[in-house]
Amino acid sequence: MLSAKPRKQTELATRCENLKSANSVGTIGGKNMSDHLVPNSENAFDEVISIIENARENAFRAVNRELIGMYWDIGEYVSRCVSDVGWGKSVVKDFSDFIQSRYVGITGFSPSNIWRMKQFYETY
């Protein structure tokens, strides 16, 4: 399980605090301070976009790491069953059917992909 890391106060948070303080001033030239605080440019939110993109990239990396580990583990399981128990094509087909019936709609677990997982384990 991932643990939440304490984050330093970002430049964004500092700017938000500054805006909050400025907002308490009231008016500038007869206009509400909030009219002056609303960003009028897409660039004003670039830091937030960067935060979102970094989080998405980290999530993709974590998912890929888990998938690779899963493929390795399944490859190891199949490799051992082939060598120790004598699994062959028909058993791997049954194994594939079992996975696909247990997780309806799952993809990537055809018999040929399961053989590739075994090959991946044995090669690396």
C-alpha atoms as a PDB file:
ATOM      1  CA  MET A   1       0.000   0.000   0.000  1.00  0.00           C
ATOM      2  CA  LEU A   2       1.295   3.433  -0.863  1.00  0.00           C
ATOM      3  CA  SER A   3       1.774   5.814   1.999  1.00  0.00           C
ATOM      4  CA  ALA A   4       1.051   9.485   1.681  1.00  0.00           C
ATOM      5  CA  LYS A   5       4.248  11.498   1.590  1.00  0.00           C
ATOM      6  CA  PRO A   6       4.235  14.865   3.309  1.00  0.00           C
ATOM      7  CA  ARG A   7       4.648  17.532   0.664  1.00  0.00           C
ATOM      8  CA  LYS A   8       6.461  20.786   0.991  1.00  0.00           C
ATOM      9  CA  GLN A   9       4.326  23.846   0.571  1.00  0.00           C
ATOM     10  CA  THR A  10       4.457  24.415  -3.158  1.00  0.00           C
ATOM     11  CA  GLU A  11       4.779  27.684  -4.952  1.00  0.00           C
ATOM     12  CA  LEU A  12       1.133  27.229  -5.893  1.00  0.00           C
ATOM     13  CA  ALA A  13       0.063  26.971  -2.256  1.00  0.00           C
ATOM     14  CA  THR A  14       2.116  30.068  -1.426  1.00  0.00           C
ATOM     15  CA  ARG A  15       0.456  31.975  -4.252  1.00  0.00           C
ATOM     16  CA  CYS A  16      -2.965  30.835  -3.054  1.00  0.00           C
ATOM     17  CA  GLU A  17      -2.177  32.087   0.454  1.00  0.00           C
ATOM     18  CA  ASN A  18      -1.071  35.433  -1.001  1.00  0.00           C
ATOM     19  CA  LEU A  19      -4.326  35.662  -2.965  1.00  0.00           C
ATOM     20  CA  LYS A  20      -6.309  34.872   0.158  1.00  0.00           C
ATOM     21  CA  SER A  21      -4.555  37.673   2.033  1.00  0.00           C
ATOM     22  CA  ALA A  22      -5.026  40.113  -0.837  1.00  0.00           C
ATOM     23  CA  ASN A  23      -8.683  39.172  -1.121  1.00  0.00           C
ATOM     24  CA  SER A  24      -9.315  40.390   2.412  1.00  0.00           C
ATOM     25  CA  VAL A  25      -8.331  43.924   1.340  1.00  0.00           C
ATOM     26  CA  GLY A  26     -11.716  44.516  -0.301  1.00  0.00           C
ATOM     27  CA  THR A  27     -11.640  46.753  -3.369  1.00  0.00           C
ATOM     28  CA  ILE A  28      -9.225  48.297  -5.854  1.00  0.00           C
ATOM     29  CA  GLY A  29     -10.422  51.355  -7.727  1.00  0.00           C
ATOM     30  CA  GLY A  30     -14.044  50.624  -6.871  1.00  0.00           C
ATOM     31  CA  LYS A  31     -13.915  47.025  -8.188  1.00  0.00           C
ATOM     32  CA  ASN A  32     -14.026  43.864  -6.100  1.00  0.00           C
ATOM     33  CA  MET A  33     -10.582  42.466  -5.383  1.00  0.00           C
ATOM     34  CA  SER A  34     -11.819  39.088  -6.655  1.00  0.00           C
ATOM     35  CA  ASP A  35     -12.167  40.588 -10.166  1.00  0.00           C
ATOM     36  CA  HIS A  36      -8.403  41.188 -10.138  1.00  0.00           C
ATOM     37  CA  LEU A  37      -7.577  37.765  -8.729  1.00  0.00           C
ATOM     38  CA  VAL A  38      -9.306  35.635 -11.348  1.00  0.00           C
ATOM     39  CA  PRO A  39      -6.668  34.415 -13.814  1.00  0.00           C
ATOM     40  CA  ASN A  40      -7.338  35.549 -17.360  1.00  0.00           C
ATOM     41  CA  SER A  41      -4.814  33.270 -18.994  1.00  0.00           C
ATOM     42  CA  GLU A  42      -4.403  29.520 -19.400  1.00  0.00           C
ATOM     43  CA  ASN A  43      -0.807  29.979 -18.242  1.00  0.00           C
ATOM     44  CA  ALA A  44      -2.058  30.895 -14.778  1.00  0.00           C
ATOM     45  CA  PHE A  45      -2.892  27.224 -14.183  1.00  0.00           C
ATOM     46  CA  ASP A  46       0.246  25.675 -15.735  1.00  0.00           C
ATOM     47  CA  GLU A  47       1.503  24.517 -12.352  1.00  0.00           C
ATOM     48  CA  VAL A  48      -1.743  22.668 -11.661  1.00  0.00           C
ATOM     49  CA  ILE A  49      -1.576  21.059 -15.122  1.00  0.00           C
ATOM     50  CA  SER A  50       1.983  19.974 -14.317  1.00  0.00           C
ATOM     51  CA  ILE A  51       0.840  18.426 -11.024  1.00  0.00           C
ATOM     52  CA  ILE A  52      -1.915  16.489 -12.827  1.00  0.00           C
ATOM     53  CA  GLU A  53       0.442  15.296 -15.585  1.00  0.00           C
ATOM     54  CA  ASN A  54       3.099  14.174 -13.094  1.00  0.00           C
ATOM     55  CA  ALA A  55       0.518  12.238 -11.086  1.00  0.00           C
ATOM     56  CA  ARG A  56      -0.813  10.573 -14.246  1.00  0.00           C
ATOM     57  CA  GLU A  57       2.707   9.572 -15.340  1.00  0.00           C
ATOM     58  CA  ASN A  58       3.421   8.128 -11.889  1.00  0.00           C
ATOM     59  CA  ALA A  59       0.148   6.183 -11.991  1.00  0.00           C
ATOM     60  CA  PHE A  60       0.962   4.762 -15.445  1.00  0.00           C
ATOM     61  CA  ARG A  61       4.415   3.701 -14.238  1.00  0.00           C
ATOM     62  CA  ALA A  62       2.946   2.023 -11.150  1.00  0.00           C
ATOM     63  CA  VAL A  63       0.358   0.140 -13.218  1.00  0.00           C
ATOM     64  CA  ASN A  64       3.016  -1.000 -15.709  1.00  0.00           C
ATOM     65  CA  ARG A  65       5.275  -2.155 -12.867  1.00  0.00           C
ATOM     66  CA  GLU A  66       2.430  -4.219 -11.410  1.00  0.00           C
ATOM     67  CA  LEU A  67       1.474  -5.705 -14.782  1.00  0.00           C
ATOM     68  CA  ILE A  68       5.060  -6.750 -15.480  1.00  0.00           C
ATOM     69  CA  GLY A  69       5.245  -8.367 -12.038  1.00  0.00           C
ATOM     70  CA  MET A  70       1.965 -10.172 -12.653  1.00  0.00           C
ATOM     71  CA  TYR A  71       3.142 -11.458 -16.055  1.00  0.00           C
ATOM     72  CA  TRP A  72       6.385 -12.643 -14.442  1.00  0.00           C
ATOM     73  CA  ASP A  73       4.521 -14.442 -11.627  1.00  0.00           C
ATOM     74  CA  ILE A  74       2.061 -16.114 -14.004  1.00  0.00           C
ATOM     75  CA  GLY A  75       4.964 -17.097 -16.266  1.00  0.00           C
ATOM     76  CA  GLU A  76       6.766 -18.644 -13.309  1.00  0.00           C
ATOM     77  CA  TYR A  77       3.624 -20.530 -12.260  1.00  0.00           C
ATOM     78  CA  VAL A  78       3.029 -21.908 -15.754  1.00  0.00           C
ATOM     79  CA  SER A  79       6.719 -22.746 -16.226  1.00  0.00           C
ATOM     80  CA  ARG A  80       6.744 -24.800 -13.030  1.00  0.00           C
ATOM     81  CA  CYS A  81       3.466 -26.513 -13.859  1.00  0.00           C
ATOM     82  CA  VAL A  82       4.769 -27.439 -17.308  1.00  0.00           C
ATOM     83  CA  SER A  83       7.998 -28.898 -15.918  1.00  0.00           C
ATOM     84  CA  ASP A  84       6.694 -30.403 -12.651  1.00  0.00           C
ATOM     85  CA  VAL A  85       3.156 -31.503 -13.501  1.00  0.00           C
ATOM     86  CA  GLY A  86       3.338 -31.869 -17.253  1.00  0.00           C
ATOM     87  CA  TRP A  87       0.984 -29.117 -18.322  1.00  0.00           C
ATOM     88  CA  GLY A  88       0.519 -28.914 -22.052  1.00  0.00           C
ATOM     89  CA  LYS A  89      -1.531 -26.994 -24.579  1.00  0.00           C
ATOM     90  CA  SER A  90      -4.897 -28.332 -23.438  1.00  0.00           C
ATOM     91  CA  VAL A  91      -4.289 -27.492 -19.767  1.00  0.00           C
ATOM     92  CA  VAL A  92      -3.074 -23.991 -20.633  1.00  0.00           C
ATOM     93  CA  LYS A  93      -6.223 -23.575 -22.763  1.00  0.00           C
ATOM     94  CA  ASP A  94      -8.334 -24.681 -19.760  1.00  0.00           C
ATOM     95  CA  PHE A  95      -6.350 -22.284 -17.535  1.00  0.00           C
ATOM     96  CA  SER A  96      -7.018 -19.448 -19.992  1.00  0.00           C
ATOM     97  CA  ASP A  97     -10.735 -20.288 -20.124  1.00  0.00           C
ATOM     98  CA  PHE A  98     -10.875 -20.381 -16.316  1.00  0.00           C
ATOM     99  CA  ILE A  99      -9.294 -16.934 -15.978  1.00  0.00           C
ATOM    100  CA  GLN A 100     -11.600 -15.475 -18.624  1.00  0.00           C
ATOM    101  CA  SER A 101     -14.705 -16.992 -16.999  1.00  0.00           C
ATOM    102  CA  ARG A 102     -13.645 -15.775 -13.565  1.00  0.00           C
ATOM    103  CA  TYR A 103     -12.943 -12.225 -14.801  1.00  0.00           C
ATOM    104  CA  VAL A 104     -15.545 -11.653 -17.500  1.00  0.00           C
ATOM    105  CA  GLY A 105     -14.345  -9.214 -20.150  1.00  0.00           C
ATOM    106  CA  ILE A 106     -10.663  -9.434 -19.176  1.00  0.00           C
ATOM    107  CA  THR A 107      -8.255  -9.416 -22.077  1.00  0.00           C
ATOM    108  CA  GLY A 108      -4.663 -10.549 -22.455  1.00  0.00           C
ATOM    109  CA  PHE A 109      -5.082 -14.082 -21.114  1.00  0.00           C
ATOM    110  CA  SER A 110      -5.441 -16.102 -24.276  1.00  0.00           C
ATOM    111  CA  PRO A 111      -3.494 -19.377 -24.343  1.00  0.00           C
ATOM    112  CA  SER A 112      -0.863 -17.809 -26.618  1.00  0.00           C
ATOM    113  CA  ASN A 113      -0.402 -14.886 -24.222  1.00  0.00           C
ATOM    114  CA  ILE A 114      -0.041 -17.270 -21.293  1.00  0.00           C
ATOM    115  CA  TRP A 115       2.686 -19.136 -23.208  1.00  0.00           C
ATOM    116  CA  ARG A 116       4.358 -15.744 -23.793  1.00  0.00           C
ATOM    117  CA  MET A 117       4.263 -15.061 -20.045  1.00  0.00           C
ATOM    118  CA  LYS A 118       6.040 -18.378 -19.500  1.00  0.00           C
ATOM    119  CA  GLN A 119       8.595 -17.439 -22.148  1.00  0.00           C
ATOM    120  CA  PHE A 120       9.057 -14.020 -20.515  1.00  0.00           C
ATOM    121  CA  TYR A 121       9.766 -15.666 -17.153  1.00  0.00           C
ATOM    122  CA  GLU A 122      12.174 -18.203 -18.619  1.00  0.00           C
ATOM    123  CA  THR A 123      14.014 -15.639 -20.743  1.00  0.00           C
ATOM    124  CA  TYR A 124      14.487 -12.930 -18.129  1.00  0.00           C
END
